[in-house]
Amino acid sequence: MSNITIDKCVGRVIDLIYIDTSGKFSQRRVNLFAIRNGKARVYDVKKRGYRTLIVDRILAVQAE
């Protein structure tokens, strides 16, 4: 896996580290569908559901 910017990951499965509004960190494996207006639309593989993440809260990205 290599470190890359999230805007180059649309359409790919990625691992990311995210910090939520309460300051809690999480590591997620997601399929990134779109980035628009500072938000990333993803499918969370572990939680088996769609999520909308704030791009500024994504701390690190690794692509397969």
PDB file of N, CA and C in Angstrom:
ATOM      1  N   MET A   1       0.838  -1.180   0.000  1.00  0.00           N
ATOM      2  CA  MET A   1       0.000   0.000   0.000  1.00  0.00           C
ATOM      3  C   MET A   1       0.883   1.243   0.000  1.00  0.00           C
ATOM      4  N   SER A   2       0.357   2.322  -0.556  1.00  0.00           N
ATOM      5  CA  SER A   2       1.133   3.552  -0.612  1.00  0.00           C
ATOM      6  C   SER A   2       0.310   4.724  -0.094  1.00  0.00           C
ATOM      7  N   ASN A   3       0.987   5.708   0.467  1.00  0.00           N
ATOM      8  CA  ASN A   3       0.314   6.917   0.919  1.00  0.00           C
ATOM      9  C   ASN A   3       0.024   7.803  -0.282  1.00  0.00           C
ATOM     10  N   ILE A   4      -1.233   8.232  -0.437  1.00  0.00           N
ATOM     11  CA  ILE A   4      -1.617   9.125  -1.522  1.00  0.00           C
ATOM     12  C   ILE A   4      -2.690  10.078  -1.010  1.00  0.00           C
ATOM     13  N   THR A   5      -3.005  11.090  -1.803  1.00  0.00           N
ATOM     14  CA  THR A   5      -4.049  12.022  -1.393  1.00  0.00           C
ATOM     15  C   THR A   5      -5.417  11.443  -1.703  1.00  0.00           C
ATOM     16  N   ILE A   6      -6.393  11.831  -0.899  1.00  0.00           N
ATOM     17  CA  ILE A   6      -7.722  11.234  -1.010  1.00  0.00           C
ATOM     18  C   ILE A   6      -8.396  11.548  -2.343  1.00  0.00           C
ATOM     19  N   ASP A   7      -8.135  12.693  -2.932  1.00  0.00           N
ATOM     20  CA  ASP A   7      -8.789  13.035  -4.194  1.00  0.00           C
ATOM     21  C   ASP A   7      -8.394  12.103  -5.333  1.00  0.00           C
ATOM     22  N   LYS A   8      -7.297  11.391  -5.190  1.00  0.00           N
ATOM     23  CA  LYS A   8      -6.873  10.426  -6.213  1.00  0.00           C
ATOM     24  C   LYS A   8      -7.423   9.024  -5.956  1.00  0.00           C
ATOM     25  N   CYS A   9      -8.251   8.878  -4.921  1.00  0.00           N
ATOM     26  CA  CYS A   9      -8.738   7.563  -4.506  1.00  0.00           C
ATOM     27  C   CYS A   9     -10.188   7.286  -4.882  1.00  0.00           C
ATOM     28  N   VAL A  10     -10.845   8.208  -5.538  1.00  0.00           N
ATOM     29  CA  VAL A  10     -12.250   8.003  -5.896  1.00  0.00           C
ATOM     30  C   VAL A  10     -12.367   6.747  -6.752  1.00  0.00           C
ATOM     31  N   GLY A  11     -13.306   5.873  -6.371  1.00  0.00           N
ATOM     32  CA  GLY A  11     -13.510   4.620  -7.081  1.00  0.00           C
ATOM     33  C   GLY A  11     -12.666   3.472  -6.562  1.00  0.00           C
ATOM     34  N   ARG A  12     -11.933   3.698  -5.466  1.00  0.00           N
ATOM     35  CA  ARG A  12     -11.032   2.678  -4.927  1.00  0.00           C
ATOM     36  C   ARG A  12     -11.390   2.340  -3.486  1.00  0.00           C
ATOM     37  N   VAL A  13     -10.925   1.182  -3.049  1.00  0.00           N
ATOM     38  CA  VAL A  13     -11.013   0.803  -1.635  1.00  0.00           C
ATOM     39  C   VAL A  13      -9.775   1.360  -0.951  1.00  0.00           C
ATOM     40  N   ILE A  14      -9.994   2.063   0.167  1.00  0.00           N
ATOM     41  CA  ILE A  14      -8.886   2.681   0.892  1.00  0.00           C
ATOM     42  C   ILE A  14      -9.019   2.416   2.386  1.00  0.00           C
ATOM     43  N   ASP A  15      -7.897   2.508   3.077  1.00  0.00           N
ATOM     44  CA  ASP A  15      -7.876   2.521   4.538  1.00  0.00           C
ATOM     45  C   ASP A  15      -7.627   3.962   4.942  1.00  0.00           C
ATOM     46  N   LEU A  16      -8.362   4.422   5.955  1.00  0.00           N
ATOM     47  CA  LEU A  16      -8.158   5.789   6.398  1.00  0.00           C
ATOM     48  C   LEU A  16      -8.254   5.893   7.906  1.00  0.00           C
ATOM     49  N   ILE A  17      -7.694   6.962   8.432  1.00  0.00           N
ATOM     50  CA  ILE A  17      -7.825   7.299   9.846  1.00  0.00           C
ATOM     51  C   ILE A  17      -8.644   8.571   9.896  1.00  0.00           C
ATOM     52  N   TYR A  18      -9.677   8.554  10.734  1.00  0.00           N
ATOM     53  CA  TYR A  18     -10.662   9.633  10.789  1.00  0.00           C
ATOM     54  C   TYR A  18     -10.874  10.053  12.234  1.00  0.00           C
ATOM     55  N   ILE A  19     -11.075  11.333  12.454  1.00  0.00           N
ATOM     56  CA  ILE A  19     -11.402  11.835  13.788  1.00  0.00           C
ATOM     57  C   ILE A  19     -12.805  12.440  13.724  1.00  0.00           C
ATOM     58  N   ASP A  20     -13.701  11.959  14.595  1.00  0.00           N
ATOM     59  CA  ASP A  20     -15.080  12.448  14.560  1.00  0.00           C
ATOM     60  C   ASP A  20     -15.228  13.745  15.351  1.00  0.00           C
ATOM     61  N   THR A  21     -16.442  14.272  15.403  1.00  0.00           N
ATOM     62  CA  THR A  21     -16.685  15.567  16.043  1.00  0.00           C
ATOM     63  C   THR A  21     -16.419  15.562  17.538  1.00  0.00           C
ATOM     64  N   SER A  22     -16.445  14.390  18.168  1.00  0.00           N
ATOM     65  CA  SER A  22     -16.163  14.313  19.604  1.00  0.00           C
ATOM     66  C   SER A  22     -14.678  14.071  19.887  1.00  0.00           C
ATOM     67  N   GLY A  23     -13.856  13.988  18.828  1.00  0.00           N
ATOM     68  CA  GLY A  23     -12.420  13.792  18.996  1.00  0.00           C
ATOM     69  C   GLY A  23     -11.984  12.344  19.031  1.00  0.00           C
ATOM     70  N   LYS A  24     -12.893  11.434  18.731  1.00  0.00           N
ATOM     71  CA  LYS A  24     -12.588  10.004  18.739  1.00  0.00           C
ATOM     72  C   LYS A  24     -11.982   9.585  17.391  1.00  0.00           C
ATOM     73  N   PHE A  25     -10.848   8.865  17.464  1.00  0.00           N
ATOM     74  CA  PHE A  25     -10.176   8.371  16.264  1.00  0.00           C
ATOM     75  C   PHE A  25     -10.754   7.024  15.855  1.00  0.00           C
ATOM     76  N   SER A  26     -10.809   6.781  14.541  1.00  0.00           N
ATOM     77  CA  SER A  26     -11.197   5.460  14.056  1.00  0.00           C
ATOM     78  C   SER A  26     -10.397   5.150  12.798  1.00  0.00           C
ATOM     79  N   GLN A  27     -10.144   3.856  12.612  1.00  0.00           N
ATOM     80  CA  GLN A  27      -9.510   3.386  11.384  1.00  0.00           C
ATOM     81  C   GLN A  27     -10.581   2.656  10.606  1.00  0.00           C
ATOM     82  N   ARG A  28     -10.735   2.998   9.338  1.00  0.00           N
ATOM     83  CA  ARG A  28     -11.811   2.430   8.525  1.00  0.00           C
ATOM     84  C   ARG A  28     -11.280   1.963   7.177  1.00  0.00           C
ATOM     85  N   ARG A  29     -11.900   0.908   6.676  1.00  0.00           N
ATOM     86  CA  ARG A  29     -11.686   0.486   5.287  1.00  0.00           C
ATOM     87  C   ARG A  29     -12.971   0.840   4.554  1.00  0.00           C
ATOM     88  N   VAL A  30     -12.830   1.658   3.520  1.00  0.00           N
ATOM     89  CA  VAL A  30     -14.003   2.167   2.822  1.00  0.00           C
ATOM     90  C   VAL A  30     -13.800   2.113   1.317  1.00  0.00           C
ATOM     91  N   ASN A  31     -14.913   2.094   0.609  1.00  0.00           N
ATOM     92  CA  ASN A  31     -14.915   2.287  -0.833  1.00  0.00           C
ATOM     93  C   ASN A  31     -15.330   3.736  -1.050  1.00  0.00           C
ATOM     94  N   LEU A  32     -14.454   4.537  -1.614  1.00  0.00           N
ATOM     95  CA  LEU A  32     -14.704   5.963  -1.801  1.00  0.00           C
ATOM     96  C   LEU A  32     -15.434   6.192  -3.122  1.00  0.00           C
ATOM     97  N   PHE A  33     -16.642   6.746  -3.036  1.00  0.00           N
ATOM     98  CA  PHE A  33     -17.456   6.973  -4.231  1.00  0.00           C
ATOM     99  C   PHE A  33     -17.318   8.378  -4.797  1.00  0.00           C
ATOM    100  N   ALA A  34     -17.286   9.382  -3.920  1.00  0.00           N
ATOM    101  CA  ALA A  34     -17.261  10.762  -4.411  1.00  0.00           C
ATOM    102  C   ALA A  34     -16.742  11.700  -3.337  1.00  0.00           C
ATOM    103  N   ILE A  35     -16.192  12.818  -3.795  1.00  0.00           N
ATOM    104  CA  ILE A  35     -15.820  13.920  -2.913  1.00  0.00           C
ATOM    105  C   ILE A  35     -16.478  15.169  -3.486  1.00  0.00           C
ATOM    106  N   ARG A  36     -17.259  15.838  -2.629  1.00  0.00           N
ATOM    107  CA  ARG A  36     -17.974  17.029  -3.079  1.00  0.00           C
ATOM    108  C   ARG A  36     -18.205  17.954  -1.891  1.00  0.00           C
ATOM    109  N   ASN A  37     -17.939  19.225  -2.071  1.00  0.00           N
ATOM    110  CA  ASN A  37     -18.195  20.239  -1.041  1.00  0.00           C
ATOM    111  C   ASN A  37     -17.552  19.896   0.297  1.00  0.00           C
ATOM    112  N   GLY A  38     -16.339  19.368   0.253  1.00  0.00           N
ATOM    113  CA  GLY A  38     -15.618  19.057   1.481  1.00  0.00           C
ATOM    114  C   GLY A  38     -16.079  17.803   2.198  1.00  0.00           C
ATOM    115  N   LYS A  39     -16.900  16.989   1.523  1.00  0.00           N
ATOM    116  CA  LYS A  39     -17.406  15.751   2.118  1.00  0.00           C
ATOM    117  C   LYS A  39     -17.089  14.571   1.211  1.00  0.00           C
ATOM    118  N   ALA A  40     -16.779  13.438   1.845  1.00  0.00           N
ATOM    119  CA  ALA A  40     -16.484  12.210   1.109  1.00  0.00           C
ATOM    120  C   ALA A  40     -17.630  11.233   1.323  1.00  0.00           C
ATOM    121  N   ARG A  41     -18.179  10.723   0.238  1.00  0.00           N
ATOM    122  CA  ARG A  41     -19.240   9.715   0.310  1.00  0.00           C
ATOM    123  C   ARG A  41     -18.567   8.362   0.167  1.00  0.00           C
ATOM    124  N   VAL A  42     -18.733   7.502   1.204  1.00  0.00           N
ATOM    125  CA  VAL A  42     -18.031   6.222   1.243  1.00  0.00           C
ATOM    126  C   VAL A  42     -18.977   5.097   1.640  1.00  0.00           C
ATOM    127  N   TYR A  43     -18.544   3.876   1.329  1.00  0.00           N
ATOM    128  CA  TYR A  43     -19.189   2.672   1.852  1.00  0.00           C
ATOM    129  C   TYR A  43     -18.208   2.062   2.837  1.00  0.00           C
ATOM    130  N   ASP A  44     -18.602   1.976   4.116  1.00  0.00           N
ATOM    131  CA  ASP A  44     -17.758   1.428   5.180  1.00  0.00           C
ATOM    132  C   ASP A  44     -17.865  -0.094   5.142  1.00  0.00           C
ATOM    133  N   VAL A  45     -16.761  -0.766   4.840  1.00  0.00           N
ATOM    134  CA  VAL A  45     -16.750  -2.215   4.658  1.00  0.00           C
ATOM    135  C   VAL A  45     -17.119  -2.941   5.949  1.00  0.00           C
ATOM    136  N   LYS A  46     -16.554  -2.538   7.080  1.00  0.00           N
ATOM    137  CA  LYS A  46     -16.803  -3.214   8.355  1.00  0.00           C
ATOM    138  C   LYS A  46     -18.237  -2.997   8.850  1.00  0.00           C
ATOM    139  N   LYS A  47     -18.720  -1.766   8.752  1.00  0.00           N
ATOM    140  CA  LYS A  47     -20.065  -1.446   9.246  1.00  0.00           C
ATOM    141  C   LYS A  47     -21.155  -1.764   8.232  1.00  0.00           C
ATOM    142  N   ARG A  48     -20.727  -2.101   7.019  1.00  0.00           N
ATOM    143  CA  ARG A  48     -21.652  -2.462   5.940  1.00  0.00           C
ATOM    144  C   ARG A  48     -22.723  -1.399   5.718  1.00  0.00           C
ATOM    145  N   GLY A  49     -22.248  -0.187   5.559  1.00  0.00           N
ATOM    146  CA  GLY A  49     -23.183   0.906   5.325  1.00  0.00           C
ATOM    147  C   GLY A  49     -22.495   2.118   4.725  1.00  0.00           C
ATOM    148  N   TYR A  50     -23.324   2.973   4.138  1.00  0.00           N
ATOM    149  CA  TYR A  50     -22.820   4.200   3.540  1.00  0.00           C
ATOM    150  C   TYR A  50     -22.621   5.256   4.613  1.00  0.00           C
ATOM    151  N   ARG A  51     -21.588   6.068   4.450  1.00  0.00           N
ATOM    152  CA  ARG A  51     -21.259   7.136   5.385  1.00  0.00           C
ATOM    153  C   ARG A  51     -20.849   8.375   4.588  1.00  0.00           C
ATOM    154  N   THR A  52     -21.056   9.519   5.204  1.00  0.00           N
ATOM    155  CA  THR A  52     -20.536  10.771   4.671  1.00  0.00           C
ATOM    156  C   THR A  52     -19.523  11.292   5.674  1.00  0.00           C
ATOM    157  N   LEU A  53     -18.287  11.472   5.231  1.00  0.00           N
ATOM    158  CA  LEU A  53     -17.203  11.913   6.098  1.00  0.00           C
ATOM    159  C   LEU A  53     -16.749  13.310   5.691  1.00  0.00           C
ATOM    160  N   ILE A  54     -16.401  14.122   6.680  1.00  0.00           N
ATOM    161  CA  ILE A  54     -15.838  15.444   6.421  1.00  0.00           C
ATOM    162  C   ILE A  54     -14.370  15.255   6.015  1.00  0.00           C
ATOM    163  N   VAL A  55     -14.010  15.717   4.843  1.00  0.00           N
ATOM    164  CA  VAL A  55     -12.662  15.500   4.311  1.00  0.00           C
ATOM    165  C   VAL A  55     -11.594  16.065   5.249  1.00  0.00           C
ATOM    166  N   ASP A  56     -11.834  17.215   5.848  1.00  0.00           N
ATOM    167  CA  ASP A  56     -10.840  17.822   6.748  1.00  0.00           C
ATOM    168  C   ASP A  56     -10.576  16.986   7.994  1.00  0.00           C
ATOM    169  N   ARG A  57     -11.441  16.034   8.305  1.00  0.00           N
ATOM    170  CA  ARG A  57     -11.271  15.168   9.474  1.00  0.00           C
ATOM    171  C   ARG A  57     -10.555  13.856   9.132  1.00  0.00           C
ATOM    172  N   ILE A  58     -10.243  13.647   7.871  1.00  0.00           N
ATOM    173  CA  ILE A  58      -9.486  12.469   7.448  1.00  0.00           C
ATOM    174  C   ILE A  58      -8.005  12.787   7.621  1.00  0.00           C
ATOM    175  N   LEU A  59      -7.352  12.042   8.513  1.00  0.00           N
ATOM    176  CA  LEU A  59      -5.973  12.345   8.881  1.00  0.00           C
ATOM    177  C   LEU A  59      -4.942  11.622   8.028  1.00  0.00           C
ATOM    178  N   ALA A  60      -5.276  10.423   7.535  1.00  0.00           N
ATOM    179  CA  ALA A  60      -4.331   9.638   6.731  1.00  0.00           C
ATOM    180  C   ALA A  60      -5.104   8.718   5.800  1.00  0.00           C
ATOM    181  N   VAL A  61      -4.497   8.439   4.649  1.00  0.00           N
ATOM    182  CA  VAL A  61      -5.122   7.587   3.632  1.00  0.00           C
ATOM    183  C   VAL A  61      -4.078   6.627   3.084  1.00  0.00           C
ATOM    184  N   GLN A  62      -4.475   5.359   2.924  1.00  0.00           N
ATOM    185  CA  GLN A  62      -3.654   4.373   2.215  1.00  0.00           C
ATOM    186  C   GLN A  62      -4.561   3.636   1.250  1.00  0.00           C
ATOM    187  N   ALA A  63      -4.111   3.488   0.020  1.00  0.00           N
ATOM    188  CA  ALA A  63      -4.874   2.777  -0.997  1.00  0.00           C
ATOM    189  C   ALA A  63      -4.297   1.386  -1.189  1.00  0.00           C
ATOM    190  N   GLU A  64      -5.162   0.455  -1.579  1.00  0.00           N
ATOM    191  CA  GLU A  64      -4.706  -0.914  -1.856  1.00  0.00           C
ATOM    192  C   GLU A  64      -3.917  -0.958  -3.140  1.00  0.00           C
TER     193      GLU A  64
END
